[in-house]
């Protein structure tokens, strides 16, 4: 079953809503975001930012000893970093006006102002 990018964005938004519960919602936010990141890396394995995200998550859990010290600010950064990756990395640039100038003709003429 292939989950598209809209599904990943939906999971991420649900994860962000758990932040409203403060410290109690932070573990659920982290769990949902790791789930979204796993699905994202399966669909977009060449994205370098998602690999950086997983490296930072692994480093956090390697150094975290269970205390709520300054190190606990790293998950907040990871939340916004993954949100940036999911919502802004795969946007295709849409140009407002595009044209190809294969055959260009320049015509100059005078308009009679008396009519």
N, C-alpha and C. Protein backbone atom coordinates (compact mmCIF):
# COMPACT_ATOMS: atom_id res chain seq x y z
N UNK A 1 0.84 -1.18 0.00
CA UNK A 1 0.00 0.00 0.00
C UNK A 1 0.88 1.24 0.00
N UNK A 2 0.67 2.06 -0.98
CA UNK A 2 1.49 3.26 -1.10
C UNK A 2 0.78 4.45 -0.47
N UNK A 3 1.46 5.07 0.43
CA UNK A 3 0.93 6.26 1.10
C UNK A 3 1.53 7.47 0.40
N UNK A 4 0.69 8.38 -0.02
CA UNK A 4 1.21 9.53 -0.74
C UNK A 4 1.64 10.63 0.23
N UNK A 5 2.15 11.70 -0.34
CA UNK A 5 2.67 12.79 0.47
C UNK A 5 1.59 13.46 1.31
N UNK A 6 0.36 13.47 0.83
CA UNK A 6 -0.73 14.06 1.61
C UNK A 6 -0.95 13.28 2.90
N UNK A 7 -0.83 11.97 2.83
CA UNK A 7 -0.97 11.15 4.04
C UNK A 7 0.13 11.42 5.05
N UNK A 8 1.35 11.59 4.54
CA UNK A 8 2.47 11.91 5.43
C UNK A 8 2.26 13.27 6.08
N UNK A 9 1.78 14.23 5.30
CA UNK A 9 1.50 15.56 5.85
C UNK A 9 0.41 15.48 6.91
N UNK A 10 -0.61 14.65 6.68
CA UNK A 10 -1.69 14.50 7.64
C UNK A 10 -1.17 13.91 8.96
N UNK A 11 -0.32 12.89 8.86
CA UNK A 11 0.27 12.30 10.08
C UNK A 11 1.08 13.35 10.82
N UNK A 12 1.82 14.17 10.08
CA UNK A 12 2.64 15.20 10.72
C UNK A 12 1.77 16.25 11.41
N UNK A 13 0.67 16.62 10.79
CA UNK A 13 -0.22 17.62 11.41
C UNK A 13 -0.86 17.05 12.68
N UNK A 14 -1.24 15.79 12.65
CA UNK A 14 -1.77 15.14 13.86
C UNK A 14 -0.71 15.15 14.96
N UNK A 15 0.53 14.88 14.57
CA UNK A 15 1.63 14.90 15.55
C UNK A 15 1.79 16.28 16.15
N UNK A 16 1.68 17.31 15.32
CA UNK A 16 1.82 18.68 15.83
C UNK A 16 0.67 19.06 16.76
N UNK A 17 -0.51 18.49 16.52
CA UNK A 17 -1.64 18.80 17.41
C UNK A 17 -1.42 18.26 18.82
N UNK A 18 -0.66 17.17 18.94
CA UNK A 18 -0.37 16.63 20.27
C UNK A 18 0.53 17.56 21.08
N UNK A 19 1.17 18.53 20.43
CA UNK A 19 1.96 19.51 21.17
C UNK A 19 1.10 20.39 22.06
N UNK A 20 -0.19 20.45 21.75
CA UNK A 20 -1.11 21.25 22.58
C UNK A 20 -1.23 20.69 23.99
N UNK A 21 -0.88 19.43 24.17
CA UNK A 21 -0.94 18.81 25.50
C UNK A 21 0.34 19.02 26.29
N UNK A 22 1.24 19.82 25.74
CA UNK A 22 2.48 20.15 26.46
C UNK A 22 3.41 18.96 26.57
N UNK A 23 3.98 18.80 27.76
CA UNK A 23 4.93 17.72 27.99
C UNK A 23 4.33 16.34 27.86
N UNK A 24 3.02 16.24 28.10
CA UNK A 24 2.37 14.94 27.98
C UNK A 24 2.21 14.53 26.52
N UNK A 25 2.07 15.49 25.64
CA UNK A 25 1.89 15.19 24.23
C UNK A 25 3.18 15.03 23.45
N UNK A 26 4.30 15.43 24.06
CA UNK A 26 5.58 15.37 23.36
C UNK A 26 5.99 13.95 22.95
N UNK A 27 5.82 12.94 23.80
CA UNK A 27 6.16 11.58 23.33
C UNK A 27 5.28 11.11 22.17
N UNK A 28 4.00 11.45 22.20
CA UNK A 28 3.12 11.07 21.09
C UNK A 28 3.49 11.83 19.82
N UNK A 29 3.86 13.09 19.97
CA UNK A 29 4.32 13.86 18.82
C UNK A 29 5.55 13.21 18.22
N UNK A 30 6.48 12.83 19.07
CA UNK A 30 7.69 12.17 18.59
C UNK A 30 7.40 10.85 17.90
N UNK A 31 6.49 10.08 18.46
CA UNK A 31 6.15 8.78 17.86
C UNK A 31 5.50 8.96 16.49
N UNK A 32 4.55 9.88 16.39
CA UNK A 32 3.90 10.12 15.11
C UNK A 32 4.88 10.69 14.08
N UNK A 33 5.79 11.55 14.53
CA UNK A 33 6.74 12.12 13.59
C UNK A 33 7.74 11.08 13.10
N UNK A 34 8.17 10.19 13.96
CA UNK A 34 9.08 9.13 13.51
C UNK A 34 8.34 8.23 12.52
N UNK A 35 7.06 7.94 12.76
CA UNK A 35 6.27 7.17 11.82
C UNK A 35 6.19 7.88 10.47
N UNK A 36 5.91 9.17 10.49
CA UNK A 36 5.84 9.95 9.25
C UNK A 36 7.19 9.97 8.54
N UNK A 37 8.27 10.06 9.32
CA UNK A 37 9.61 10.08 8.72
C UNK A 37 9.96 8.74 8.10
N UNK A 38 9.55 7.65 8.72
CA UNK A 38 9.82 6.33 8.15
C UNK A 38 9.08 6.16 6.82
N UNK A 39 7.83 6.57 6.79
CA UNK A 39 7.07 6.49 5.53
C UNK A 39 7.70 7.41 4.48
N UNK A 40 8.14 8.58 4.91
CA UNK A 40 8.75 9.54 3.99
C UNK A 40 10.04 8.99 3.40
N UNK A 41 10.88 8.38 4.22
CA UNK A 41 12.16 7.87 3.72
C UNK A 41 11.96 6.67 2.79
N UNK A 42 10.88 5.94 2.98
CA UNK A 42 10.58 4.84 2.05
C UNK A 42 10.20 5.40 0.68
N UNK A 43 9.43 6.49 0.67
CA UNK A 43 9.00 7.07 -0.60
C UNK A 43 10.06 7.95 -1.25
N UNK A 44 10.86 8.64 -0.45
CA UNK A 44 11.86 9.57 -0.99
C UNK A 44 13.23 9.24 -0.39
N UNK A 45 13.82 8.11 -0.78
CA UNK A 45 15.09 7.70 -0.15
C UNK A 45 16.28 8.58 -0.52
N UNK A 46 16.18 9.38 -1.56
CA UNK A 46 17.31 10.20 -1.98
C UNK A 46 17.36 11.56 -1.29
N UNK A 47 16.35 11.88 -0.49
CA UNK A 47 16.33 13.16 0.21
C UNK A 47 17.38 13.14 1.32
N UNK A 48 18.32 14.06 1.25
CA UNK A 48 19.42 14.08 2.23
C UNK A 48 18.98 14.60 3.59
N UNK A 49 18.00 15.49 3.61
CA UNK A 49 17.55 16.06 4.88
C UNK A 49 16.90 15.00 5.77
N UNK A 50 16.20 14.04 5.19
CA UNK A 50 15.56 13.01 6.01
C UNK A 50 16.61 12.11 6.65
N UNK A 51 17.73 11.91 5.97
CA UNK A 51 18.82 11.15 6.56
C UNK A 51 19.46 11.92 7.73
N UNK A 52 19.58 13.23 7.57
CA UNK A 52 20.09 14.07 8.66
C UNK A 52 19.13 14.01 9.85
N UNK A 53 17.83 14.03 9.56
CA UNK A 53 16.83 13.95 10.63
C UNK A 53 17.01 12.67 11.45
N UNK A 54 17.13 11.52 10.76
CA UNK A 54 17.29 10.26 11.48
C UNK A 54 18.61 10.21 12.24
N UNK A 55 19.65 10.80 11.68
CA UNK A 55 20.93 10.84 12.40
C UNK A 55 20.80 11.65 13.68
N UNK A 56 20.09 12.78 13.62
CA UNK A 56 19.90 13.61 14.82
C UNK A 56 19.03 12.91 15.86
N UNK A 57 18.01 12.17 15.40
CA UNK A 57 17.16 11.43 16.33
C UNK A 57 17.99 10.36 17.05
N UNK A 58 18.81 9.64 16.30
CA UNK A 58 19.65 8.60 16.91
C UNK A 58 20.65 9.21 17.88
N UNK A 59 21.26 10.33 17.49
CA UNK A 59 22.20 11.00 18.40
C UNK A 59 21.52 11.47 19.68
N UNK A 60 20.30 11.99 19.54
CA UNK A 60 19.58 12.44 20.74
C UNK A 60 19.37 11.28 21.70
N UNK A 61 18.90 10.14 21.19
CA UNK A 61 18.62 9.02 22.08
C UNK A 61 19.90 8.38 22.61
N UNK A 62 21.01 8.54 21.91
CA UNK A 62 22.29 8.03 22.43
C UNK A 62 22.79 8.86 23.61
N UNK A 63 22.58 10.17 23.56
CA UNK A 63 23.09 11.05 24.61
C UNK A 63 22.09 11.36 25.71
N UNK A 64 20.81 11.12 25.49
CA UNK A 64 19.80 11.47 26.48
C UNK A 64 19.81 10.46 27.60
N UNK A 65 19.92 10.95 28.83
CA UNK A 65 19.95 10.07 29.99
C UNK A 65 18.63 10.07 30.76
N UNK A 66 17.60 10.64 30.21
CA UNK A 66 16.29 10.64 30.85
C UNK A 66 15.96 11.91 31.59
N UNK A 67 16.93 12.81 31.73
CA UNK A 67 16.68 14.08 32.42
C UNK A 67 16.10 15.11 31.45
N UNK A 68 15.40 16.06 32.02
CA UNK A 68 14.83 17.14 31.23
C UNK A 68 15.74 18.35 31.33
N UNK A 69 16.90 18.26 30.72
CA UNK A 69 17.87 19.35 30.74
C UNK A 69 17.83 20.07 29.40
N UNK A 70 18.89 20.82 29.11
CA UNK A 70 18.96 21.56 27.85
C UNK A 70 18.90 20.64 26.64
N UNK A 71 19.29 19.38 26.80
CA UNK A 71 19.28 18.42 25.70
C UNK A 71 17.86 18.14 25.22
N UNK A 72 16.89 18.40 26.08
CA UNK A 72 15.50 18.13 25.72
C UNK A 72 14.95 19.17 24.75
N UNK A 73 15.72 20.22 24.47
CA UNK A 73 15.29 21.19 23.46
C UNK A 73 15.53 20.67 22.05
N UNK A 74 16.34 19.64 21.90
CA UNK A 74 16.61 19.06 20.58
C UNK A 74 15.36 18.47 19.94
N UNK A 75 14.48 17.75 20.67
CA UNK A 75 13.26 17.27 20.02
C UNK A 75 12.38 18.38 19.46
N UNK A 76 12.37 19.53 20.12
CA UNK A 76 11.59 20.66 19.58
C UNK A 76 12.15 21.07 18.22
N UNK A 77 13.48 21.12 18.12
CA UNK A 77 14.11 21.42 16.83
C UNK A 77 13.76 20.34 15.81
N UNK A 78 13.80 19.08 16.22
CA UNK A 78 13.51 17.98 15.30
C UNK A 78 12.07 18.02 14.80
N UNK A 79 11.16 18.46 15.64
CA UNK A 79 9.76 18.58 15.23
C UNK A 79 9.64 19.56 14.07
N UNK A 80 10.24 20.72 14.22
CA UNK A 80 10.12 21.73 13.16
C UNK A 80 10.97 21.37 11.94
N UNK A 81 12.09 20.68 12.15
CA UNK A 81 12.93 20.26 11.04
C UNK A 81 12.19 19.25 10.15
N UNK A 82 11.54 18.26 10.76
CA UNK A 82 10.79 17.28 9.98
C UNK A 82 9.60 17.94 9.29
N UNK A 83 8.95 18.87 9.97
CA UNK A 83 7.84 19.58 9.35
C UNK A 83 8.32 20.34 8.11
N UNK A 84 9.48 20.96 8.20
CA UNK A 84 10.04 21.65 7.04
C UNK A 84 10.32 20.65 5.91
N UNK A 85 10.91 19.51 6.26
CA UNK A 85 11.24 18.52 5.24
C UNK A 85 9.98 18.04 4.52
N UNK A 86 8.96 17.71 5.28
CA UNK A 86 7.75 17.13 4.70
C UNK A 86 6.98 18.16 3.88
N UNK A 87 6.85 19.37 4.38
CA UNK A 87 5.98 20.34 3.72
C UNK A 87 6.65 21.17 2.64
N UNK A 88 7.97 21.31 2.67
CA UNK A 88 8.60 22.24 1.74
C UNK A 88 9.65 21.61 0.83
N UNK A 89 10.10 20.40 1.05
CA UNK A 89 11.19 19.84 0.26
C UNK A 89 10.75 19.37 -1.12
N UNK A 90 9.60 18.82 -1.26
CA UNK A 90 9.20 18.23 -2.53
C UNK A 90 8.27 19.11 -3.34
N UNK A 91 8.29 20.37 -3.07
CA UNK A 91 7.49 21.27 -3.88
C UNK A 91 8.16 21.49 -5.21
N UNK A 92 7.39 21.37 -6.23
CA UNK A 92 7.90 21.68 -7.55
C UNK A 92 7.70 23.18 -7.77
N UNK A 93 8.71 23.80 -8.29
CA UNK A 93 8.60 25.23 -8.50
C UNK A 93 7.59 25.48 -9.60
N UNK A 94 6.61 26.27 -9.28
CA UNK A 94 5.58 26.62 -10.24
C UNK A 94 5.82 28.05 -10.70
N UNK A 95 5.99 28.19 -11.96
CA UNK A 95 6.19 29.52 -12.51
C UNK A 95 4.84 30.11 -12.87
N UNK A 96 4.72 31.39 -12.66
CA UNK A 96 3.45 32.05 -12.97
C UNK A 96 3.24 32.12 -14.47
N UNK A 97 4.22 32.62 -15.19
CA UNK A 97 4.14 32.70 -16.64
C UNK A 97 5.36 32.04 -17.25
N UNK A 98 5.12 31.17 -18.17
CA UNK A 98 6.23 30.56 -18.89
C UNK A 98 5.94 30.63 -20.38
N UNK A 99 6.98 30.74 -21.17
CA UNK A 99 6.81 30.79 -22.62
C UNK A 99 8.09 30.30 -23.28
N UNK A 100 7.92 29.81 -24.48
CA UNK A 100 9.07 29.46 -25.30
C UNK A 100 9.08 30.38 -26.50
N UNK A 101 10.19 31.00 -26.72
CA UNK A 101 10.31 31.95 -27.82
C UNK A 101 10.98 31.26 -29.00
N UNK A 102 10.24 30.40 -29.67
CA UNK A 102 10.80 29.69 -30.81
C UNK A 102 10.82 30.58 -32.06
N UNK A 103 9.70 31.17 -32.37
CA UNK A 103 9.58 32.05 -33.54
C UNK A 103 9.10 33.41 -33.07
N UNK A 104 10.00 34.34 -33.03
CA UNK A 104 9.68 35.67 -32.51
C UNK A 104 9.63 36.65 -33.67
N UNK A 105 8.54 37.38 -33.74
CA UNK A 105 8.38 38.42 -34.75
C UNK A 105 8.11 39.72 -34.04
N UNK A 106 8.84 40.74 -34.42
CA UNK A 106 8.64 42.07 -33.85
C UNK A 106 7.98 42.93 -34.92
N UNK A 107 6.80 43.42 -34.62
CA UNK A 107 6.04 44.25 -35.57
C UNK A 107 5.87 45.62 -34.93
N UNK A 108 6.20 46.64 -35.69
CA UNK A 108 6.06 48.00 -35.24
C UNK A 108 5.15 48.74 -36.21
N UNK A 109 4.10 49.35 -35.70
CA UNK A 109 3.19 50.08 -36.57
C UNK A 109 2.66 51.30 -35.84
N UNK A 110 2.12 52.24 -36.60
CA UNK A 110 1.60 53.49 -36.07
C UNK A 110 0.08 53.42 -36.07
N UNK A 111 -0.50 53.89 -34.99
CA UNK A 111 -1.96 53.95 -34.88
C UNK A 111 -2.37 55.38 -35.16
N UNK A 112 -3.32 55.53 -36.04
CA UNK A 112 -3.80 56.86 -36.37
C UNK A 112 -4.69 57.36 -35.25
N UNK A 113 -4.33 58.48 -34.67
CA UNK A 113 -5.07 58.98 -33.51
C UNK A 113 -6.32 59.76 -33.89
N UNK A 114 -6.52 60.06 -35.15
CA UNK A 114 -7.71 60.83 -35.58
C UNK A 114 -8.96 59.98 -35.62
N UNK A 115 -8.87 58.73 -35.79
CA UNK A 115 -10.06 57.88 -35.88
C UNK A 115 -10.58 57.52 -34.56
